[in-house]
N, C-alpha and C. Protein backbone atom coordinates (compact mmCIF):
# COMPACT_ATOMS: atom_id res chain seq x y z
N MET A 1 -55.67 219.92 -191.70
CA MET A 1 -56.79 219.54 -192.54
C MET A 1 -57.91 220.54 -192.28
N SER A 2 -58.71 220.79 -193.30
CA SER A 2 -59.80 221.74 -193.14
C SER A 2 -60.87 221.19 -192.20
N ASP A 3 -61.61 222.11 -191.61
CA ASP A 3 -62.67 221.71 -190.70
C ASP A 3 -63.72 220.85 -191.40
N ASN A 4 -63.97 221.13 -192.68
CA ASN A 4 -64.95 220.35 -193.43
C ASN A 4 -64.52 218.89 -193.55
N ARG A 5 -63.25 218.66 -193.77
CA ARG A 5 -62.78 217.28 -193.88
C ARG A 5 -62.85 216.57 -192.53
N ILE A 6 -62.46 217.27 -191.47
CA ILE A 6 -62.54 216.68 -190.14
C ILE A 6 -63.99 216.34 -189.82
N GLU A 7 -64.90 217.27 -190.10
CA GLU A 7 -66.32 217.02 -189.88
C GLU A 7 -66.82 215.86 -190.73
N GLY A 8 -66.35 215.78 -191.95
CA GLY A 8 -66.75 214.68 -192.83
C GLY A 8 -66.31 213.33 -192.30
N TYR A 9 -65.06 213.27 -191.84
CA TYR A 9 -64.57 212.02 -191.25
C TYR A 9 -65.37 211.67 -189.99
N ALA A 10 -65.60 212.66 -189.13
CA ALA A 10 -66.35 212.41 -187.89
C ALA A 10 -67.76 211.92 -188.21
N ARG A 11 -68.40 212.55 -189.16
CA ARG A 11 -69.76 212.14 -189.55
C ARG A 11 -69.75 210.72 -190.12
N GLY A 12 -68.76 210.43 -190.97
CA GLY A 12 -68.66 209.10 -191.56
C GLY A 12 -68.41 208.02 -190.51
N LEU A 13 -67.47 208.27 -189.60
CA LEU A 13 -67.19 207.30 -188.55
C LEU A 13 -68.41 207.09 -187.65
N PHE A 14 -69.10 208.18 -187.34
CA PHE A 14 -70.30 208.09 -186.52
C PHE A 14 -71.36 207.23 -187.19
N GLU A 15 -71.59 207.47 -188.47
CA GLU A 15 -72.61 206.72 -189.20
C GLU A 15 -72.26 205.24 -189.30
N ILE A 16 -70.98 204.94 -189.50
CA ILE A 16 -70.55 203.54 -189.56
C ILE A 16 -70.79 202.87 -188.21
N ALA A 17 -70.36 203.52 -187.13
CA ALA A 17 -70.53 202.94 -185.79
C ALA A 17 -72.01 202.78 -185.46
N ARG A 18 -72.82 203.75 -185.84
CA ARG A 18 -74.25 203.65 -185.57
C ARG A 18 -74.88 202.52 -186.37
N ALA A 19 -74.46 202.37 -187.62
CA ALA A 19 -74.98 201.29 -188.45
C ALA A 19 -74.58 199.91 -187.90
N GLU A 20 -73.40 199.84 -187.30
CA GLU A 20 -72.94 198.58 -186.70
C GLU A 20 -73.71 198.26 -185.42
N GLY A 21 -74.37 199.26 -184.83
CA GLY A 21 -75.20 199.05 -183.66
C GLY A 21 -74.46 199.12 -182.33
N ASN A 22 -73.22 199.59 -182.34
CA ASN A 22 -72.47 199.66 -181.08
C ASN A 22 -71.82 201.04 -180.91
N ILE A 23 -72.59 202.08 -181.18
CA ILE A 23 -72.05 203.44 -181.16
C ILE A 23 -71.51 203.82 -179.79
N ASP A 24 -72.18 203.44 -178.71
CA ASP A 24 -71.71 203.84 -177.38
C ASP A 24 -70.34 203.24 -177.07
N GLU A 25 -70.18 201.97 -177.35
CA GLU A 25 -68.91 201.31 -177.07
C GLU A 25 -67.79 201.83 -177.98
N VAL A 26 -68.09 201.98 -179.26
CA VAL A 26 -67.09 202.46 -180.21
C VAL A 26 -66.69 203.89 -179.89
N GLU A 27 -67.66 204.71 -179.57
CA GLU A 27 -67.37 206.11 -179.21
C GLU A 27 -66.43 206.18 -178.02
N ASP A 28 -66.69 205.36 -177.00
CA ASP A 28 -65.85 205.35 -175.81
C ASP A 28 -64.43 204.86 -176.15
N GLU A 29 -64.34 203.80 -176.92
CA GLU A 29 -63.03 203.26 -177.30
C GLU A 29 -62.25 204.25 -178.15
N LEU A 30 -62.92 204.92 -179.08
CA LEU A 30 -62.25 205.92 -179.91
C LEU A 30 -61.74 207.07 -179.05
N PHE A 31 -62.56 207.51 -178.10
CA PHE A 31 -62.16 208.59 -177.21
C PHE A 31 -60.91 208.22 -176.43
N ARG A 32 -60.91 207.02 -175.83
CA ARG A 32 -59.75 206.58 -175.04
C ARG A 32 -58.51 206.44 -175.92
N PHE A 33 -58.68 205.94 -177.14
CA PHE A 33 -57.53 205.82 -178.03
C PHE A 33 -56.99 207.20 -178.40
N ALA A 34 -57.87 208.14 -178.70
CA ALA A 34 -57.44 209.49 -179.07
C ALA A 34 -56.66 210.15 -177.94
N ARG A 35 -57.11 209.96 -176.69
CA ARG A 35 -56.38 210.54 -175.57
C ARG A 35 -55.03 209.85 -175.39
N SER A 36 -54.96 208.55 -175.59
CA SER A 36 -53.68 207.84 -175.52
C SER A 36 -52.75 208.31 -176.63
N PHE A 37 -53.30 208.51 -177.80
CA PHE A 37 -52.54 208.99 -178.95
C PHE A 37 -51.94 210.37 -178.65
N GLU A 38 -52.75 211.24 -178.07
CA GLU A 38 -52.26 212.58 -177.73
C GLU A 38 -51.17 212.54 -176.67
N GLY A 39 -51.27 211.59 -175.75
CA GLY A 39 -50.34 211.52 -174.63
C GLY A 39 -49.06 210.76 -174.90
N SER A 40 -48.94 210.13 -176.05
CA SER A 40 -47.76 209.31 -176.34
C SER A 40 -47.01 209.83 -177.56
N ASP A 41 -45.85 210.41 -177.30
CA ASP A 41 -45.03 210.91 -178.42
C ASP A 41 -44.62 209.78 -179.35
N ALA A 42 -44.30 208.62 -178.78
CA ALA A 42 -43.85 207.48 -179.60
C ALA A 42 -44.98 206.98 -180.50
N LEU A 43 -46.19 206.89 -179.96
CA LEU A 43 -47.32 206.43 -180.77
C LEU A 43 -47.64 207.44 -181.87
N ARG A 44 -47.66 208.72 -181.51
CA ARG A 44 -47.91 209.76 -182.51
C ARG A 44 -46.88 209.70 -183.62
N ALA A 45 -45.60 209.55 -183.25
CA ALA A 45 -44.53 209.51 -184.24
C ALA A 45 -44.67 208.29 -185.15
N ALA A 46 -44.95 207.14 -184.57
CA ALA A 46 -45.06 205.91 -185.37
C ALA A 46 -46.25 205.95 -186.33
N LEU A 47 -47.38 206.44 -185.86
CA LEU A 47 -48.57 206.43 -186.70
C LEU A 47 -48.64 207.60 -187.68
N SER A 48 -47.87 208.65 -187.42
CA SER A 48 -47.89 209.83 -188.30
C SER A 48 -46.74 209.85 -189.29
N ASP A 49 -45.79 208.95 -189.16
CA ASP A 49 -44.59 208.94 -190.01
C ASP A 49 -44.95 208.51 -191.42
N GLU A 50 -44.85 209.46 -192.34
CA GLU A 50 -45.18 209.19 -193.74
C GLU A 50 -44.18 208.25 -194.41
N GLN A 51 -43.01 208.07 -193.78
CA GLN A 51 -41.99 207.16 -194.32
C GLN A 51 -42.39 205.69 -194.09
N ILE A 52 -43.25 205.46 -193.11
CA ILE A 52 -43.74 204.11 -192.84
C ILE A 52 -44.95 203.87 -193.74
N PRO A 53 -44.95 202.79 -194.50
CA PRO A 53 -46.08 202.52 -195.40
C PRO A 53 -47.40 202.42 -194.62
N PRO A 54 -48.49 202.88 -195.23
CA PRO A 54 -49.79 202.83 -194.55
C PRO A 54 -50.14 201.43 -194.02
N ALA A 55 -49.81 200.39 -194.77
CA ALA A 55 -50.13 199.03 -194.32
C ALA A 55 -49.40 198.70 -193.02
N LYS A 56 -48.18 199.17 -192.87
CA LYS A 56 -47.41 198.92 -191.65
C LYS A 56 -48.02 199.70 -190.48
N ARG A 57 -48.44 200.95 -190.72
CA ARG A 57 -49.07 201.75 -189.67
C ARG A 57 -50.40 201.12 -189.25
N GLN A 58 -51.13 200.58 -190.22
CA GLN A 58 -52.38 199.91 -189.90
C GLN A 58 -52.12 198.63 -189.10
N ALA A 59 -51.01 197.95 -189.41
CA ALA A 59 -50.64 196.74 -188.65
C ALA A 59 -50.33 197.10 -187.20
N ILE A 60 -49.76 198.28 -186.98
CA ILE A 60 -49.49 198.75 -185.61
C ILE A 60 -50.81 198.89 -184.86
N ILE A 61 -51.81 199.45 -185.51
CA ILE A 61 -53.14 199.60 -184.91
C ILE A 61 -53.71 198.23 -184.56
N GLU A 62 -53.61 197.30 -185.50
CA GLU A 62 -54.12 195.94 -185.27
C GLU A 62 -53.43 195.30 -184.06
N ASP A 63 -52.11 195.48 -183.97
CA ASP A 63 -51.35 194.91 -182.84
C ASP A 63 -51.76 195.55 -181.52
N LEU A 64 -51.94 196.88 -181.53
CA LEU A 64 -52.29 197.59 -180.30
C LEU A 64 -53.70 197.27 -179.81
N LEU A 65 -54.64 197.22 -180.74
CA LEU A 65 -56.04 197.12 -180.34
C LEU A 65 -56.64 195.73 -180.48
N GLY A 66 -55.97 194.83 -181.20
CA GLY A 66 -56.51 193.51 -181.43
C GLY A 66 -56.93 192.82 -180.15
N GLY A 67 -58.21 192.51 -180.02
CA GLY A 67 -58.72 191.85 -178.83
C GLY A 67 -59.03 192.78 -177.67
N LYS A 68 -58.57 194.02 -177.74
CA LYS A 68 -58.79 194.96 -176.64
C LYS A 68 -59.91 195.95 -176.97
N ALA A 69 -60.27 196.02 -178.24
CA ALA A 69 -61.32 196.93 -178.69
C ALA A 69 -62.20 196.18 -179.69
N THR A 70 -63.37 196.73 -179.94
CA THR A 70 -64.24 196.10 -180.92
C THR A 70 -63.59 196.15 -182.30
N SER A 71 -63.99 195.25 -183.15
CA SER A 71 -63.43 195.25 -184.51
C SER A 71 -63.81 196.54 -185.23
N THR A 72 -64.97 197.09 -184.93
CA THR A 72 -65.39 198.35 -185.55
C THR A 72 -64.42 199.47 -185.20
N THR A 73 -64.07 199.58 -183.93
CA THR A 73 -63.13 200.61 -183.48
C THR A 73 -61.78 200.43 -184.18
N THR A 74 -61.28 199.22 -184.18
CA THR A 74 -59.99 198.94 -184.79
C THR A 74 -60.01 199.30 -186.27
N GLN A 75 -61.06 198.92 -186.96
CA GLN A 75 -61.17 199.21 -188.39
C GLN A 75 -61.30 200.71 -188.67
N LEU A 76 -62.04 201.42 -187.82
CA LEU A 76 -62.21 202.86 -188.04
C LEU A 76 -60.89 203.60 -187.84
N ILE A 77 -60.17 203.26 -186.78
CA ILE A 77 -58.87 203.91 -186.56
C ILE A 77 -57.91 203.55 -187.68
N SER A 78 -57.93 202.30 -188.08
CA SER A 78 -57.06 201.84 -189.17
C SER A 78 -57.37 202.60 -190.46
N MET A 79 -58.64 202.86 -190.72
CA MET A 79 -59.04 203.60 -191.92
C MET A 79 -58.48 205.03 -191.88
N VAL A 80 -58.60 205.69 -190.72
CA VAL A 80 -58.10 207.07 -190.60
C VAL A 80 -56.58 207.09 -190.78
N VAL A 81 -55.89 206.15 -190.15
CA VAL A 81 -54.44 206.07 -190.25
C VAL A 81 -54.02 205.76 -191.69
N GLY A 82 -54.70 204.82 -192.31
CA GLY A 82 -54.38 204.42 -193.68
C GLY A 82 -54.61 205.52 -194.70
N SER A 83 -55.56 206.42 -194.40
CA SER A 83 -55.85 207.52 -195.33
C SER A 83 -54.93 208.72 -195.12
N GLY A 84 -53.98 208.60 -194.18
CA GLY A 84 -53.03 209.68 -193.96
C GLY A 84 -53.55 210.81 -193.09
N ARG A 85 -54.60 210.57 -192.35
CA ARG A 85 -55.22 211.61 -191.50
C ARG A 85 -54.92 211.41 -190.02
N THR A 86 -53.83 210.73 -189.71
CA THR A 86 -53.52 210.37 -188.32
C THR A 86 -53.43 211.58 -187.42
N ARG A 87 -52.80 212.63 -187.88
CA ARG A 87 -52.62 213.82 -187.03
C ARG A 87 -53.95 214.45 -186.64
N ASP A 88 -54.97 214.22 -187.45
CA ASP A 88 -56.29 214.79 -187.18
C ASP A 88 -57.18 213.87 -186.37
N LEU A 89 -56.67 212.71 -186.00
CA LEU A 89 -57.49 211.72 -185.29
C LEU A 89 -58.15 212.28 -184.02
N PRO A 90 -57.43 212.98 -183.13
CA PRO A 90 -58.11 213.51 -181.93
C PRO A 90 -59.25 214.47 -182.27
N ALA A 91 -59.05 215.33 -183.24
CA ALA A 91 -60.11 216.28 -183.62
C ALA A 91 -61.30 215.54 -184.22
N ILE A 92 -61.04 214.54 -185.04
CA ILE A 92 -62.11 213.74 -185.64
C ILE A 92 -62.90 213.03 -184.54
N VAL A 93 -62.20 212.42 -183.62
CA VAL A 93 -62.86 211.68 -182.54
C VAL A 93 -63.65 212.64 -181.64
N ASP A 94 -63.10 213.80 -181.33
CA ASP A 94 -63.83 214.76 -180.49
C ASP A 94 -65.15 215.18 -181.14
N LEU A 95 -65.13 215.39 -182.46
CA LEU A 95 -66.37 215.73 -183.15
C LEU A 95 -67.34 214.56 -183.17
N LEU A 96 -66.81 213.35 -183.32
CA LEU A 96 -67.67 212.16 -183.29
C LEU A 96 -68.32 212.02 -181.91
N VAL A 97 -67.56 212.22 -180.85
CA VAL A 97 -68.09 212.13 -179.49
C VAL A 97 -69.17 213.20 -179.29
N ALA A 98 -68.92 214.40 -179.76
CA ALA A 98 -69.91 215.47 -179.62
C ALA A 98 -71.18 215.12 -180.40
N ARG A 99 -71.02 214.56 -181.59
CA ARG A 99 -72.17 214.17 -182.41
C ARG A 99 -72.97 213.07 -181.71
N ALA A 100 -72.27 212.08 -181.17
CA ALA A 100 -72.95 210.98 -180.47
C ALA A 100 -73.67 211.49 -179.22
N SER A 101 -73.05 212.41 -178.51
CA SER A 101 -73.67 212.97 -177.31
C SER A 101 -74.92 213.75 -177.67
N THR A 102 -74.84 214.54 -178.72
CA THR A 102 -75.99 215.31 -179.18
C THR A 102 -77.13 214.39 -179.57
N ALA A 103 -76.82 213.28 -180.23
CA ALA A 103 -77.84 212.32 -180.63
C ALA A 103 -78.54 211.72 -179.42
N LYS A 104 -77.83 211.65 -178.28
CA LYS A 104 -78.40 211.12 -177.04
C LYS A 104 -78.94 212.24 -176.14
N HIS A 105 -78.94 213.47 -176.65
CA HIS A 105 -79.38 214.63 -175.88
C HIS A 105 -78.56 214.81 -174.61
N GLN A 106 -77.25 214.69 -174.77
CA GLN A 106 -76.33 214.83 -173.65
C GLN A 106 -75.22 215.83 -174.02
N GLU A 107 -74.53 216.27 -172.98
CA GLU A 107 -73.37 217.14 -173.13
C GLU A 107 -72.14 216.31 -172.76
N VAL A 108 -71.04 216.47 -173.50
CA VAL A 108 -69.81 215.75 -173.19
C VAL A 108 -69.22 216.33 -171.91
N ALA A 109 -68.89 215.44 -170.97
CA ALA A 109 -68.23 215.84 -169.73
C ALA A 109 -66.89 215.12 -169.68
N GLU A 110 -65.81 215.86 -169.98
CA GLU A 110 -64.47 215.27 -169.92
C GLU A 110 -63.92 215.50 -168.53
N VAL A 111 -63.57 214.39 -167.87
CA VAL A 111 -63.07 214.45 -166.50
C VAL A 111 -61.66 213.89 -166.47
N ARG A 112 -60.75 214.66 -165.91
CA ARG A 112 -59.36 214.22 -165.76
C ARG A 112 -59.12 213.90 -164.29
N THR A 113 -58.64 212.67 -164.04
CA THR A 113 -58.35 212.22 -162.68
C THR A 113 -56.95 211.65 -162.64
N ALA A 114 -56.39 211.57 -161.44
CA ALA A 114 -55.05 211.01 -161.29
C ALA A 114 -55.06 209.49 -161.37
N VAL A 115 -56.18 208.88 -161.01
CA VAL A 115 -56.30 207.42 -161.03
C VAL A 115 -57.61 207.03 -161.72
N ALA A 116 -57.67 205.80 -162.16
CA ALA A 116 -58.89 205.30 -162.80
C ALA A 116 -60.03 205.25 -161.78
N LEU A 117 -61.23 205.50 -162.25
CA LEU A 117 -62.41 205.46 -161.38
C LEU A 117 -63.12 204.13 -161.53
N THR A 118 -63.78 203.70 -160.46
CA THR A 118 -64.60 202.50 -160.53
C THR A 118 -65.90 202.85 -161.26
N ALA A 119 -66.64 201.83 -161.66
CA ALA A 119 -67.92 202.05 -162.33
C ALA A 119 -68.88 202.82 -161.42
N ASP A 120 -68.87 202.49 -160.13
CA ASP A 120 -69.74 203.17 -159.18
C ASP A 120 -69.35 204.65 -159.05
N GLN A 121 -68.06 204.92 -158.98
CA GLN A 121 -67.59 206.31 -158.90
C GLN A 121 -67.99 207.08 -160.16
N GLU A 122 -67.87 206.46 -161.32
CA GLU A 122 -68.25 207.12 -162.57
C GLU A 122 -69.74 207.44 -162.59
N THR A 123 -70.55 206.50 -162.12
CA THR A 123 -72.00 206.71 -162.07
C THR A 123 -72.35 207.87 -161.15
N ARG A 124 -71.75 207.88 -159.96
CA ARG A 124 -72.02 208.96 -159.01
C ARG A 124 -71.50 210.30 -159.53
N LEU A 125 -70.35 210.29 -160.19
CA LEU A 125 -69.79 211.52 -160.75
C LEU A 125 -70.68 212.06 -161.86
N ALA A 126 -71.15 211.18 -162.73
CA ALA A 126 -72.05 211.62 -163.81
C ALA A 126 -73.31 212.25 -163.23
N ALA A 127 -73.86 211.65 -162.18
CA ALA A 127 -75.06 212.20 -161.53
C ALA A 127 -74.76 213.56 -160.91
N ALA A 128 -73.60 213.68 -160.25
CA ALA A 128 -73.23 214.96 -159.62
C ALA A 128 -73.02 216.05 -160.66
N LEU A 129 -72.37 215.71 -161.77
CA LEU A 129 -72.15 216.70 -162.83
C LEU A 129 -73.47 217.10 -163.49
N ALA A 130 -74.35 216.14 -163.68
CA ALA A 130 -75.67 216.45 -164.24
C ALA A 130 -76.42 217.39 -163.30
N ASN A 131 -76.33 217.14 -162.01
CA ASN A 131 -76.98 217.99 -161.01
C ASN A 131 -76.36 219.39 -161.00
N ALA A 132 -75.03 219.46 -161.07
CA ALA A 132 -74.34 220.75 -161.00
C ALA A 132 -74.55 221.60 -162.25
N THR A 133 -74.66 220.95 -163.40
CA THR A 133 -74.76 221.71 -164.66
C THR A 133 -76.18 221.80 -165.19
N GLY A 134 -77.07 220.95 -164.68
CA GLY A 134 -78.44 220.94 -165.19
C GLY A 134 -78.56 220.28 -166.55
N LYS A 135 -77.53 219.54 -166.95
CA LYS A 135 -77.53 218.86 -168.25
C LYS A 135 -77.23 217.38 -168.05
N GLN A 136 -77.80 216.55 -168.88
CA GLN A 136 -77.42 215.14 -168.87
C GLN A 136 -76.04 215.05 -169.50
N VAL A 137 -75.16 214.23 -168.93
CA VAL A 137 -73.78 214.20 -169.40
C VAL A 137 -73.38 212.83 -169.93
N ASN A 138 -72.50 212.88 -170.92
CA ASN A 138 -71.83 211.71 -171.46
C ASN A 138 -70.43 211.76 -170.88
N LEU A 139 -70.19 210.99 -169.83
CA LEU A 139 -68.94 211.07 -169.06
C LEU A 139 -67.79 210.40 -169.80
N LYS A 140 -66.70 211.13 -169.95
CA LYS A 140 -65.47 210.63 -170.56
C LYS A 140 -64.35 210.88 -169.57
N VAL A 141 -63.80 209.80 -169.02
CA VAL A 141 -62.77 209.92 -167.99
C VAL A 141 -61.40 209.71 -168.62
N VAL A 142 -60.48 210.63 -168.31
CA VAL A 142 -59.09 210.55 -168.77
C VAL A 142 -58.20 210.47 -167.53
N VAL A 143 -57.38 209.44 -167.47
CA VAL A 143 -56.43 209.33 -166.36
C VAL A 143 -55.23 210.20 -166.69
N ASP A 144 -54.99 211.20 -165.84
CA ASP A 144 -53.92 212.18 -166.05
C ASP A 144 -53.16 212.35 -164.74
N PRO A 145 -52.00 211.69 -164.61
CA PRO A 145 -51.25 211.76 -163.35
C PRO A 145 -50.86 213.18 -162.93
N SER A 146 -50.82 214.12 -163.86
CA SER A 146 -50.45 215.49 -163.49
C SER A 146 -51.50 216.15 -162.61
N VAL A 147 -52.69 215.58 -162.54
CA VAL A 147 -53.75 216.12 -161.68
C VAL A 147 -53.37 215.93 -160.21
N LEU A 148 -52.56 214.92 -159.90
CA LEU A 148 -52.09 214.56 -158.57
C LEU A 148 -53.17 213.93 -157.71
N GLY A 149 -54.33 214.48 -157.68
CA GLY A 149 -55.45 213.97 -156.89
C GLY A 149 -56.67 214.81 -157.21
N GLY A 150 -57.85 214.33 -156.85
CA GLY A 150 -59.06 215.07 -157.18
C GLY A 150 -59.39 214.91 -158.64
N LEU A 151 -60.06 215.93 -159.21
CA LEU A 151 -60.42 215.85 -160.62
C LEU A 151 -60.64 217.23 -161.20
N VAL A 152 -60.60 217.26 -162.53
CA VAL A 152 -60.94 218.46 -163.28
C VAL A 152 -62.00 218.04 -164.29
N ALA A 153 -63.18 218.64 -164.21
CA ALA A 153 -64.28 218.30 -165.10
C ALA A 153 -64.58 219.47 -166.02
N THR A 154 -64.76 219.17 -167.29
CA THR A 154 -65.13 220.18 -168.27
C THR A 154 -66.43 219.74 -168.94
N VAL A 155 -67.47 220.55 -168.77
CA VAL A 155 -68.76 220.28 -169.39
C VAL A 155 -69.11 221.51 -170.21
N GLY A 156 -68.98 221.39 -171.53
CA GLY A 156 -69.17 222.55 -172.39
C GLY A 156 -68.14 223.61 -172.06
N ASP A 157 -68.59 224.80 -171.69
CA ASP A 157 -67.69 225.89 -171.33
C ASP A 157 -67.42 225.95 -169.83
N THR A 158 -68.04 225.08 -169.06
CA THR A 158 -67.90 225.08 -167.61
C THR A 158 -66.75 224.16 -167.18
N VAL A 159 -65.85 224.71 -166.37
CA VAL A 159 -64.74 223.92 -165.83
C VAL A 159 -64.88 223.88 -164.32
N ILE A 160 -64.89 222.66 -163.78
CA ILE A 160 -64.94 222.47 -162.34
C ILE A 160 -63.61 221.85 -161.95
N ASP A 161 -62.80 222.62 -161.24
CA ASP A 161 -61.45 222.17 -160.92
C ASP A 161 -61.33 221.89 -159.43
N GLY A 162 -61.34 220.62 -159.09
CA GLY A 162 -61.17 220.20 -157.70
C GLY A 162 -59.90 219.38 -157.56
N SER A 163 -58.87 219.76 -158.34
CA SER A 163 -57.64 218.98 -158.33
C SER A 163 -56.69 219.44 -157.23
N VAL A 164 -55.91 218.50 -156.76
CA VAL A 164 -54.89 218.80 -155.76
C VAL A 164 -53.86 219.76 -156.35
N ARG A 165 -53.53 219.57 -157.62
CA ARG A 165 -52.55 220.43 -158.28
C ARG A 165 -52.97 221.90 -158.19
N THR A 166 -54.23 222.20 -158.47
CA THR A 166 -54.73 223.57 -158.42
C THR A 166 -54.69 224.10 -156.99
N ARG A 167 -55.06 223.27 -156.04
CA ARG A 167 -55.02 223.71 -154.64
C ARG A 167 -53.60 224.03 -154.20
N ILE A 168 -52.64 223.22 -154.62
CA ILE A 168 -51.23 223.49 -154.31
C ILE A 168 -50.79 224.80 -154.95
N ASP A 169 -51.17 225.00 -156.21
CA ASP A 169 -50.82 226.24 -156.89
C ASP A 169 -51.43 227.45 -156.20
N GLN A 170 -52.67 227.31 -155.70
CA GLN A 170 -53.31 228.41 -154.99
C GLN A 170 -52.59 228.71 -153.68
N LEU A 171 -52.17 227.67 -152.98
CA LEU A 171 -51.41 227.87 -151.74
C LEU A 171 -50.07 228.55 -152.02
N LYS A 172 -49.39 228.15 -153.07
CA LYS A 172 -48.12 228.78 -153.44
C LYS A 172 -48.30 230.28 -153.70
N SER A 173 -49.37 230.61 -154.41
CA SER A 173 -49.58 232.03 -154.72
C SER A 173 -49.93 232.84 -153.50
N ARG A 174 -50.57 232.23 -152.50
CA ARG A 174 -50.89 232.93 -151.25
C ARG A 174 -49.65 233.15 -150.40
N LEU A 175 -48.72 232.21 -150.48
CA LEU A 175 -47.50 232.33 -149.68
C LEU A 175 -46.56 233.29 -150.39
């Protein structure tokens, strides 16, 4: 899909979520869904299969998110899936997250960890990243078992890699 269409969808979803008054929660839920979508071949196949009627694909969204996400999030994802733009969902959500962060005068900080972080750990990590980069951050945590331990943080063009995987790779190259 063209960048203009992706931007249009992101702008539209952002405006709907903002009008509903729960942009922070919806933005976070959309981000987590987009990362799950990217990480699951089965989910991508089911939601992107043009042979499955749009109503059936939307029912899959309802089943997956019903009660686990806000109705706004569920409806927005369902709208994107129903319009045949499922493959572009991660790009649309990434632009929406960037737009929401800009509106809050923040930079998106995507952090990949091997395990889920507690609320306290997320708060301390956001403060540390803000201190390290000099920017206020909108923290987005992705659980990625391939990290093994530690974390990889990306804030704009800055990558801070404190993962066990990278340290192991560095040791291998030294040996």
